[in-house]
Amino acid sequence: MDIFKITAVGLAAAVFSGMLKEKSPQAALAVSAVGCIVILFAVLPKIEVIFEVLKKIENMIKGEGTYVKLVLKIAAVGYISSFGGSLCRDFGESALGEKIELGGKVVILLFSLPVITGLLDMLNELMP
């Protein structure tokens, strides 16, 4: 399922959910949840491919793979905080959703600091 199909499923679920929202909020929520589940199952195989490529990269580095693990952690934090923020906005709590995303950005920056300092140390060694 490519991005056009994923988008079509999401838009169809949103339209049907919007049409049902006034008459039956429970049915609207169910339609929205089914749309989310269909999209999630469409995306899961692609995530598996990403992990396979990252394992190959980790083997090519021949190290501990700390950078690959760090990239995975950063990506996970980004997706989880984005998903949590979106859920909060869906429940009408936009301020809370924004704070979740802010927390995710802070954690991503925190995870990135060792890489940034390592790069700066390497640059300092190269400079006379």
N, C-alpha and C. Protein backbone atom coordinates (compact mmCIF):
# COMPACT_ATOMS: atom_id res chain seq x y z
N MET A 1 0.86 -1.17 0.00
CA MET A 1 0.00 0.00 0.00
C MET A 1 0.91 1.23 0.00
N ASP A 2 0.79 2.04 -1.00
CA ASP A 2 1.64 3.23 -1.06
C ASP A 2 0.95 4.42 -0.40
N ILE A 3 1.61 5.55 -0.42
CA ILE A 3 1.12 6.72 0.31
C ILE A 3 -0.23 7.21 -0.21
N PHE A 4 -0.50 7.01 -1.49
CA PHE A 4 -1.80 7.44 -2.01
C PHE A 4 -2.94 6.60 -1.44
N LYS A 5 -2.71 5.31 -1.31
CA LYS A 5 -3.72 4.43 -0.73
C LYS A 5 -3.89 4.72 0.76
N ILE A 6 -2.78 4.94 1.44
CA ILE A 6 -2.85 5.26 2.87
C ILE A 6 -3.62 6.56 3.08
N THR A 7 -3.31 7.55 2.26
CA THR A 7 -4.01 8.84 2.36
C THR A 7 -5.49 8.68 2.03
N ALA A 8 -5.80 7.86 1.03
CA ALA A 8 -7.21 7.65 0.67
C ALA A 8 -7.97 6.99 1.81
N VAL A 9 -7.37 6.01 2.46
CA VAL A 9 -8.02 5.37 3.61
C VAL A 9 -8.25 6.39 4.72
N GLY A 10 -7.23 7.20 5.00
CA GLY A 10 -7.35 8.21 6.05
C GLY A 10 -8.42 9.25 5.74
N LEU A 11 -8.44 9.72 4.52
CA LEU A 11 -9.44 10.72 4.14
C LEU A 11 -10.85 10.13 4.15
N ALA A 12 -11.00 8.90 3.64
CA ALA A 12 -12.32 8.25 3.66
C ALA A 12 -12.82 8.09 5.09
N ALA A 13 -11.93 7.64 5.98
CA ALA A 13 -12.32 7.47 7.38
C ALA A 13 -12.68 8.81 8.00
N ALA A 14 -11.94 9.85 7.67
CA ALA A 14 -12.23 11.18 8.23
C ALA A 14 -13.58 11.70 7.73
N VAL A 15 -13.87 11.51 6.44
CA VAL A 15 -15.14 11.98 5.88
C VAL A 15 -16.31 11.22 6.52
N PHE A 16 -16.21 9.89 6.56
CA PHE A 16 -17.29 9.11 7.16
C PHE A 16 -17.45 9.42 8.64
N SER A 17 -16.35 9.59 9.33
CA SER A 17 -16.41 9.93 10.75
C SER A 17 -17.07 11.29 10.94
N GLY A 18 -16.71 12.25 10.09
CA GLY A 18 -17.32 13.57 10.18
C GLY A 18 -18.81 13.54 9.91
N MET A 19 -19.23 12.72 8.97
CA MET A 19 -20.66 12.62 8.66
C MET A 19 -21.43 11.98 9.81
N LEU A 20 -20.82 11.05 10.50
CA LEU A 20 -21.50 10.35 11.59
C LEU A 20 -21.42 11.06 12.93
N LYS A 21 -20.52 12.03 13.05
CA LYS A 21 -20.21 12.63 14.34
C LYS A 21 -21.43 13.22 15.04
N GLU A 22 -22.30 13.90 14.32
CA GLU A 22 -23.46 14.55 14.95
C GLU A 22 -24.53 13.54 15.37
N LYS A 23 -24.77 12.54 14.51
CA LYS A 23 -25.83 11.58 14.80
C LYS A 23 -25.39 10.48 15.75
N SER A 24 -24.16 10.02 15.59
CA SER A 24 -23.67 8.91 16.42
C SER A 24 -22.18 9.07 16.68
N PRO A 25 -21.83 9.76 17.76
CA PRO A 25 -20.40 9.96 18.07
C PRO A 25 -19.64 8.64 18.27
N GLN A 26 -20.32 7.63 18.80
CA GLN A 26 -19.65 6.34 19.02
C GLN A 26 -19.29 5.69 17.68
N ALA A 27 -20.21 5.75 16.73
CA ALA A 27 -19.93 5.18 15.41
C ALA A 27 -18.82 5.95 14.72
N ALA A 28 -18.81 7.28 14.89
CA ALA A 28 -17.76 8.10 14.29
C ALA A 28 -16.40 7.73 14.86
N LEU A 29 -16.35 7.50 16.16
CA LEU A 29 -15.10 7.09 16.79
C LEU A 29 -14.66 5.72 16.28
N ALA A 30 -15.61 4.81 16.10
CA ALA A 30 -15.30 3.47 15.60
C ALA A 30 -14.75 3.53 14.18
N VAL A 31 -15.36 4.35 13.33
CA VAL A 31 -14.88 4.50 11.95
C VAL A 31 -13.46 5.06 11.95
N SER A 32 -13.22 6.04 12.78
CA SER A 32 -11.89 6.64 12.88
C SER A 32 -10.87 5.61 13.38
N ALA A 33 -11.25 4.83 14.37
CA ALA A 33 -10.35 3.82 14.91
C ALA A 33 -10.03 2.75 13.87
N VAL A 34 -11.03 2.31 13.12
CA VAL A 34 -10.80 1.31 12.07
C VAL A 34 -9.86 1.88 11.01
N GLY A 35 -10.05 3.14 10.63
CA GLY A 35 -9.15 3.77 9.67
C GLY A 35 -7.72 3.79 10.17
N CYS A 36 -7.54 4.12 11.43
CA CYS A 36 -6.20 4.13 12.03
C CYS A 36 -5.57 2.75 12.02
N ILE A 37 -6.36 1.73 12.34
CA ILE A 37 -5.84 0.36 12.38
C ILE A 37 -5.45 -0.11 11.00
N VAL A 38 -6.28 0.18 9.98
CA VAL A 38 -5.96 -0.21 8.61
C VAL A 38 -4.66 0.44 8.17
N ILE A 39 -4.50 1.72 8.47
CA ILE A 39 -3.26 2.42 8.10
C ILE A 39 -2.07 1.84 8.84
N LEU A 40 -2.24 1.56 10.11
CA LEU A 40 -1.14 0.98 10.90
C LEU A 40 -0.69 -0.36 10.32
N PHE A 41 -1.63 -1.22 9.97
CA PHE A 41 -1.26 -2.51 9.40
C PHE A 41 -0.64 -2.36 8.01
N ALA A 42 -0.98 -1.30 7.31
CA ALA A 42 -0.37 -1.06 5.99
C ALA A 42 1.07 -0.59 6.14
N VAL A 43 1.37 0.09 7.23
CA VAL A 43 2.70 0.67 7.42
C VAL A 43 3.67 -0.32 8.10
N LEU A 44 3.16 -1.24 8.89
CA LEU A 44 4.03 -2.15 9.64
C LEU A 44 5.04 -2.92 8.78
N PRO A 45 4.67 -3.46 7.62
CA PRO A 45 5.68 -4.16 6.81
C PRO A 45 6.81 -3.24 6.35
N LYS A 46 6.50 -1.99 6.12
CA LYS A 46 7.54 -1.04 5.69
C LYS A 46 8.51 -0.75 6.84
N ILE A 47 8.02 -0.76 8.04
CA ILE A 47 8.88 -0.55 9.20
C ILE A 47 9.84 -1.73 9.34
N GLU A 48 9.36 -2.93 9.04
CA GLU A 48 10.22 -4.11 9.10
C GLU A 48 11.38 -3.99 8.12
N VAL A 49 11.12 -3.48 6.93
CA VAL A 49 12.17 -3.28 5.93
C VAL A 49 13.21 -2.28 6.45
N ILE A 50 12.74 -1.22 7.10
CA ILE A 50 13.66 -0.22 7.65
C ILE A 50 14.59 -0.87 8.68
N PHE A 51 14.04 -1.71 9.55
CA PHE A 51 14.88 -2.37 10.55
C PHE A 51 15.91 -3.30 9.90
N GLU A 52 15.53 -3.98 8.83
CA GLU A 52 16.47 -4.85 8.13
C GLU A 52 17.64 -4.04 7.55
N VAL A 53 17.34 -2.90 6.95
CA VAL A 53 18.39 -2.06 6.38
C VAL A 53 19.28 -1.51 7.49
N LEU A 54 18.68 -1.10 8.61
CA LEU A 54 19.49 -0.59 9.71
C LEU A 54 20.40 -1.66 10.29
N LYS A 55 19.93 -2.91 10.32
CA LYS A 55 20.80 -4.01 10.78
C LYS A 55 21.98 -4.19 9.83
N LYS A 56 21.74 -4.08 8.52
CA LYS A 56 22.83 -4.18 7.55
C LYS A 56 23.83 -3.05 7.75
N ILE A 57 23.34 -1.85 7.98
CA ILE A 57 24.22 -0.71 8.22
C ILE A 57 25.04 -0.94 9.49
N GLU A 58 24.39 -1.45 10.52
CA GLU A 58 25.09 -1.72 11.78
C GLU A 58 26.20 -2.74 11.57
N ASN A 59 25.95 -3.76 10.75
CA ASN A 59 26.99 -4.75 10.46
C ASN A 59 28.12 -4.16 9.64
N MET A 60 27.82 -3.23 8.75
CA MET A 60 28.86 -2.60 7.93
C MET A 60 29.73 -1.69 8.77
N ILE A 61 29.19 -1.09 9.82
CA ILE A 61 29.96 -0.20 10.68
C ILE A 61 30.98 -1.00 11.47
N LYS A 62 30.67 -2.24 11.78
CA LYS A 62 31.54 -3.15 12.52
C LYS A 62 31.86 -2.64 13.93
N GLY A 63 31.03 -1.80 14.44
CA GLY A 63 31.20 -1.31 15.80
C GLY A 63 30.10 -1.83 16.67
N GLU A 64 29.89 -1.15 17.73
CA GLU A 64 28.83 -1.54 18.63
C GLU A 64 27.46 -1.21 18.06
N GLY A 65 27.43 -0.38 17.05
CA GLY A 65 26.15 0.02 16.48
C GLY A 65 25.45 1.07 17.32
N THR A 66 26.22 1.80 18.11
CA THR A 66 25.60 2.78 18.99
C THR A 66 24.89 3.88 18.21
N TYR A 67 25.43 4.26 17.06
CA TYR A 67 24.78 5.32 16.28
C TYR A 67 23.47 4.83 15.69
N VAL A 68 23.44 3.59 15.25
CA VAL A 68 22.20 3.04 14.70
C VAL A 68 21.15 2.97 15.80
N LYS A 69 21.54 2.50 16.97
CA LYS A 69 20.60 2.44 18.09
C LYS A 69 20.12 3.82 18.48
N LEU A 70 21.02 4.79 18.42
CA LEU A 70 20.65 6.17 18.75
C LEU A 70 19.65 6.72 17.74
N VAL A 71 19.88 6.44 16.48
CA VAL A 71 18.94 6.90 15.44
C VAL A 71 17.57 6.26 15.65
N LEU A 72 17.55 4.97 16.00
CA LEU A 72 16.28 4.30 16.26
C LEU A 72 15.56 4.92 17.46
N LYS A 73 16.30 5.21 18.52
CA LYS A 73 15.69 5.83 19.69
C LYS A 73 15.12 7.21 19.35
N ILE A 74 15.88 7.99 18.59
CA ILE A 74 15.43 9.32 18.20
C ILE A 74 14.17 9.23 17.34
N ALA A 75 14.16 8.31 16.39
CA ALA A 75 12.98 8.15 15.54
C ALA A 75 11.78 7.70 16.37
N ALA A 76 12.01 6.78 17.30
CA ALA A 76 10.91 6.31 18.15
C ALA A 76 10.34 7.44 18.99
N VAL A 77 11.21 8.24 19.58
CA VAL A 77 10.73 9.37 20.39
C VAL A 77 9.93 10.34 19.52
N GLY A 78 10.42 10.60 18.33
CA GLY A 78 9.70 11.51 17.42
C GLY A 78 8.32 11.00 17.07
N TYR A 79 8.23 9.73 16.69
CA TYR A 79 6.94 9.17 16.32
C TYR A 79 6.00 9.07 17.50
N ILE A 80 6.50 8.64 18.65
CA ILE A 80 5.65 8.49 19.82
C ILE A 80 5.12 9.84 20.29
N SER A 81 5.99 10.85 20.34
CA SER A 81 5.53 12.16 20.80
C SER A 81 4.57 12.79 19.80
N SER A 82 4.81 12.58 18.52
CA SER A 82 3.89 13.09 17.50
C SER A 82 2.53 12.40 17.61
N PHE A 83 2.54 11.09 17.79
CA PHE A 83 1.31 10.33 17.92
C PHE A 83 0.55 10.74 19.17
N GLY A 84 1.25 10.86 20.29
CA GLY A 84 0.60 11.29 21.54
C GLY A 84 0.03 12.70 21.44
N GLY A 85 0.79 13.60 20.81
CA GLY A 85 0.29 14.96 20.63
C GLY A 85 -0.94 15.00 19.75
N SER A 86 -0.95 14.21 18.70
CA SER A 86 -2.12 14.16 17.82
C SER A 86 -3.34 13.60 18.54
N LEU A 87 -3.13 12.57 19.34
CA LEU A 87 -4.25 12.02 20.10
C LEU A 87 -4.84 13.05 21.06
N CYS A 88 -3.97 13.79 21.72
CA CYS A 88 -4.46 14.82 22.64
C CYS A 88 -5.26 15.88 21.89
N ARG A 89 -4.77 16.28 20.72
CA ARG A 89 -5.51 17.27 19.92
C ARG A 89 -6.85 16.71 19.46
N ASP A 90 -6.88 15.42 19.14
CA ASP A 90 -8.15 14.79 18.75
C ASP A 90 -9.16 14.82 19.89
N PHE A 91 -8.67 14.76 21.12
CA PHE A 91 -9.55 14.81 22.29
C PHE A 91 -9.81 16.24 22.75
N GLY A 92 -9.37 17.22 21.95
CA GLY A 92 -9.63 18.62 22.28
C GLY A 92 -8.64 19.23 23.25
N GLU A 93 -7.54 18.56 23.50
CA GLU A 93 -6.52 19.04 24.44
C GLU A 93 -5.28 19.47 23.66
N SER A 94 -5.40 20.53 22.87
CA SER A 94 -4.29 20.94 22.01
C SER A 94 -3.08 21.41 22.81
N ALA A 95 -3.31 22.11 23.92
CA ALA A 95 -2.18 22.58 24.72
C ALA A 95 -1.38 21.40 25.27
N LEU A 96 -2.07 20.38 25.72
CA LEU A 96 -1.40 19.19 26.24
C LEU A 96 -0.64 18.47 25.12
N GLY A 97 -1.25 18.40 23.94
CA GLY A 97 -0.59 17.78 22.80
C GLY A 97 0.69 18.51 22.42
N GLU A 98 0.65 19.83 22.46
CA GLU A 98 1.85 20.61 22.14
C GLU A 98 2.94 20.37 23.17
N LYS A 99 2.57 20.21 24.42
CA LYS A 99 3.58 19.97 25.46
C LYS A 99 4.20 18.59 25.31
N ILE A 100 3.41 17.60 24.90
CA ILE A 100 3.97 16.27 24.65
C ILE A 100 5.01 16.36 23.53
N GLU A 101 4.67 17.08 22.46
CA GLU A 101 5.61 17.22 21.35
C GLU A 101 6.84 18.01 21.77
N LEU A 102 6.67 19.03 22.61
CA LEU A 102 7.82 19.76 23.13
C LEU A 102 8.72 18.84 23.93
N GLY A 103 8.12 18.00 24.77
CA GLY A 103 8.89 17.03 25.54
C GLY A 103 9.66 16.08 24.63
N GLY A 104 9.03 15.65 23.55
CA GLY A 104 9.70 14.79 22.59
C GLY A 104 10.90 15.48 21.95
N LYS A 105 10.75 16.74 21.61
CA LYS A 105 11.85 17.49 21.00
C LYS A 105 13.01 17.65 21.97
N VAL A 106 12.70 17.87 23.24
CA VAL A 106 13.75 18.00 24.25
C VAL A 106 14.50 16.67 24.41
N VAL A 107 13.76 15.56 24.43
CA VAL A 107 14.40 14.26 24.57
C VAL A 107 15.26 13.96 23.33
N ILE A 108 14.77 14.31 22.14
CA ILE A 108 15.56 14.12 20.92
C ILE A 108 16.85 14.91 20.99
N LEU A 109 16.76 16.16 21.43
CA LEU A 109 17.97 16.97 21.58
C LEU A 109 18.92 16.35 22.60
N LEU A 110 18.37 15.84 23.68
CA LEU A 110 19.19 15.20 24.70
C LEU A 110 19.91 13.97 24.14
N PHE A 111 19.20 13.16 23.35
CA PHE A 111 19.82 11.99 22.72
C PHE A 111 20.87 12.40 21.69
N SER A 112 20.70 13.57 21.08
CA SER A 112 21.61 14.03 20.03
C SER A 112 22.89 14.64 20.58
N LEU A 113 22.90 15.05 21.83
CA LEU A 113 24.07 15.73 22.39
C LEU A 113 25.37 14.93 22.29
N PRO A 114 25.38 13.64 22.57
CA PRO A 114 26.65 12.90 22.42
C PRO A 114 27.19 12.92 20.98
N VAL A 115 26.30 12.86 20.02
CA VAL A 115 26.75 12.91 18.62
C VAL A 115 27.31 14.28 18.30
N ILE A 116 26.63 15.32 18.75
CA ILE A 116 27.09 16.69 18.49
C ILE A 116 28.44 16.94 19.14
N THR A 117 28.58 16.54 20.40
CA THR A 117 29.86 16.75 21.08
C THR A 117 30.96 15.91 20.45
N GLY A 118 30.63 14.70 20.01
CA GLY A 118 31.63 13.86 19.33
C GLY A 118 32.10 14.50 18.04
N LEU A 119 31.18 15.08 17.28
CA LEU A 119 31.56 15.77 16.05
C LEU A 119 32.43 16.99 16.34
N LEU A 120 32.08 17.74 17.36
CA LEU A 120 32.87 18.92 17.72
C LEU A 120 34.27 18.53 18.18
N ASP A 121 34.36 17.44 18.95
CA ASP A 121 35.67 16.95 19.39
C ASP A 121 36.51 16.54 18.19
N MET A 122 35.90 15.86 17.23
CA MET A 122 36.61 15.43 16.04
C MET A 122 37.08 16.64 15.23
N LEU A 123 36.25 17.67 15.12
CA LEU A 123 36.65 18.90 14.42
C LEU A 123 37.79 19.60 15.12
N ASN A 124 37.75 19.63 16.45
CA ASN A 124 38.84 20.26 17.21
C ASN A 124 40.15 19.53 17.00
N GLU A 125 40.12 18.21 16.87
CA GLU A 125 41.35 17.46 16.62
C GLU A 125 41.92 17.73 15.23
N LEU A 126 41.03 18.00 14.29
CA LEU A 126 41.48 18.27 12.91
C LEU A 126 42.05 19.68 12.74
N MET A 127 41.59 20.59 13.57
CA MET A 127 42.05 21.98 13.48
C MET A 127 43.42 22.12 14.12
N PRO A 128 44.32 22.92 13.50
CA PRO A 128 45.66 23.10 14.09
C PRO A 128 45.62 24.02 15.30
